[in-house]
Amino acid sequence: MEDLEQELSVCETLDLRGLKCPLPVLRTRRHLRDLTSGARIRVETTDPLAVIDIPHFCREDGHQLLSSQPTDGGHAFLIEKA
């Protein structure tokens, strides 16, 4: 139930499928820069290294990784901007 509530509060999805490291992190960082604190985005990737890179990026930049889920052919991350 909590995952569904978190998903519903997402204002947009950032589709980064098909991009390879380091582009998913770089594009996520650039996108978050323009959002207000507390904004949530869903990031979709197909890069296998994103499961390491996106959580690391969130820790380093102070953003909260709310969920990380495998998807068909990739991974989806729910991030709340610090």
Protein backbone atom coordinates (compact mmCIF):
# COMPACT_ATOMS: atom_id res chain seq x y z
CA MET A 1 0.00 0.00 0.00
CA GLU A 2 2.82 2.41 0.88
CA ASP A 3 4.53 1.80 -2.48
CA LEU A 4 1.29 2.65 -4.27
CA GLU A 5 0.93 5.88 -2.28
CA GLN A 6 4.53 6.82 -3.09
CA GLU A 7 3.98 6.08 -6.78
CA LEU A 8 0.86 8.25 -6.84
CA SER A 9 2.76 11.24 -5.44
CA VAL A 10 5.30 11.18 -8.28
CA CYS A 11 4.98 14.25 -10.44
CA GLU A 12 6.81 12.85 -13.47
CA THR A 13 8.80 9.99 -14.95
CA LEU A 14 12.30 10.42 -16.33
CA ASP A 15 12.76 7.83 -19.08
CA LEU A 16 16.46 7.02 -19.32
CA ARG A 17 16.08 3.59 -20.90
CA GLY A 18 18.75 2.85 -23.47
CA LEU A 19 21.37 5.13 -21.90
CA LYS A 20 24.62 3.71 -20.54
CA CYS A 21 26.74 4.75 -17.56
CA PRO A 22 27.31 7.55 -16.64
CA LEU A 23 24.40 9.17 -18.53
CA PRO A 24 21.54 7.97 -16.26
CA VAL A 25 23.14 9.61 -13.22
CA LEU A 26 24.15 12.76 -15.09
CA ARG A 27 20.67 13.25 -16.55
CA THR A 28 19.00 12.51 -13.19
CA ARG A 29 21.25 15.06 -11.46
CA ARG A 30 20.51 17.70 -14.11
CA HIS A 31 16.77 17.04 -13.91
CA LEU A 32 16.65 17.21 -10.11
CA ARG A 33 18.54 20.51 -10.13
CA ASP A 34 15.45 22.29 -11.49
CA LEU A 35 12.98 20.76 -9.02
CA THR A 36 11.99 22.03 -5.58
CA SER A 37 12.98 20.23 -2.41
CA GLY A 38 10.63 17.34 -1.69
CA ALA A 39 9.72 16.79 -5.35
CA ARG A 40 9.57 13.16 -6.41
CA ILE A 41 10.48 11.61 -9.73
CA ARG A 42 10.46 8.09 -11.08
CA VAL A 43 13.60 7.24 -13.03
CA GLU A 44 13.48 4.31 -15.47
CA THR A 45 16.72 2.76 -16.71
CA THR A 46 17.97 -0.26 -18.62
CA ASP A 47 21.65 0.15 -17.71
CA PRO A 48 22.59 -2.74 -15.37
CA LEU A 49 25.02 -0.48 -13.49
CA ALA A 50 22.21 1.90 -12.52
CA VAL A 51 21.32 -0.35 -9.56
CA ILE A 52 24.69 0.67 -8.10
CA ASP A 53 25.05 4.17 -9.54
CA ILE A 54 21.63 5.68 -8.75
CA PRO A 55 21.61 4.71 -5.04
CA HIS A 56 25.21 5.95 -4.72
CA PHE A 57 24.28 9.24 -6.41
CA CYS A 58 21.33 9.69 -4.02
CA ARG A 59 23.53 9.11 -0.96
CA GLU A 60 26.24 11.46 -2.21
CA ASP A 61 23.86 14.29 -3.13
CA GLY A 62 21.55 13.84 -0.13
CA HIS A 63 18.43 12.76 -2.04
CA GLN A 64 16.20 10.04 -0.64
CA LEU A 65 15.84 6.82 -2.61
CA LEU A 66 12.28 5.81 -1.73
CA SER A 67 12.13 2.64 -3.81
CA SER A 68 14.11 0.59 -6.25
CA GLN A 69 12.31 -2.03 -8.32
CA PRO A 70 13.22 -4.30 -11.21
CA THR A 71 11.11 -3.73 -14.31
CA ASP A 72 10.77 -5.56 -17.58
CA GLY A 73 14.25 -5.09 -19.07
CA GLY A 74 15.52 -2.62 -16.50
CA HIS A 75 14.98 -0.89 -13.19
CA ALA A 76 12.85 1.90 -11.75
CA PHE A 77 13.82 4.24 -8.94
CA LEU A 78 11.63 6.58 -6.93
CA ILE A 79 13.67 9.56 -5.76
CA GLU A 80 12.75 12.48 -3.52
CA LYS A 81 14.86 15.59 -3.95
CA ALA A 82 16.72 16.82 -0.85
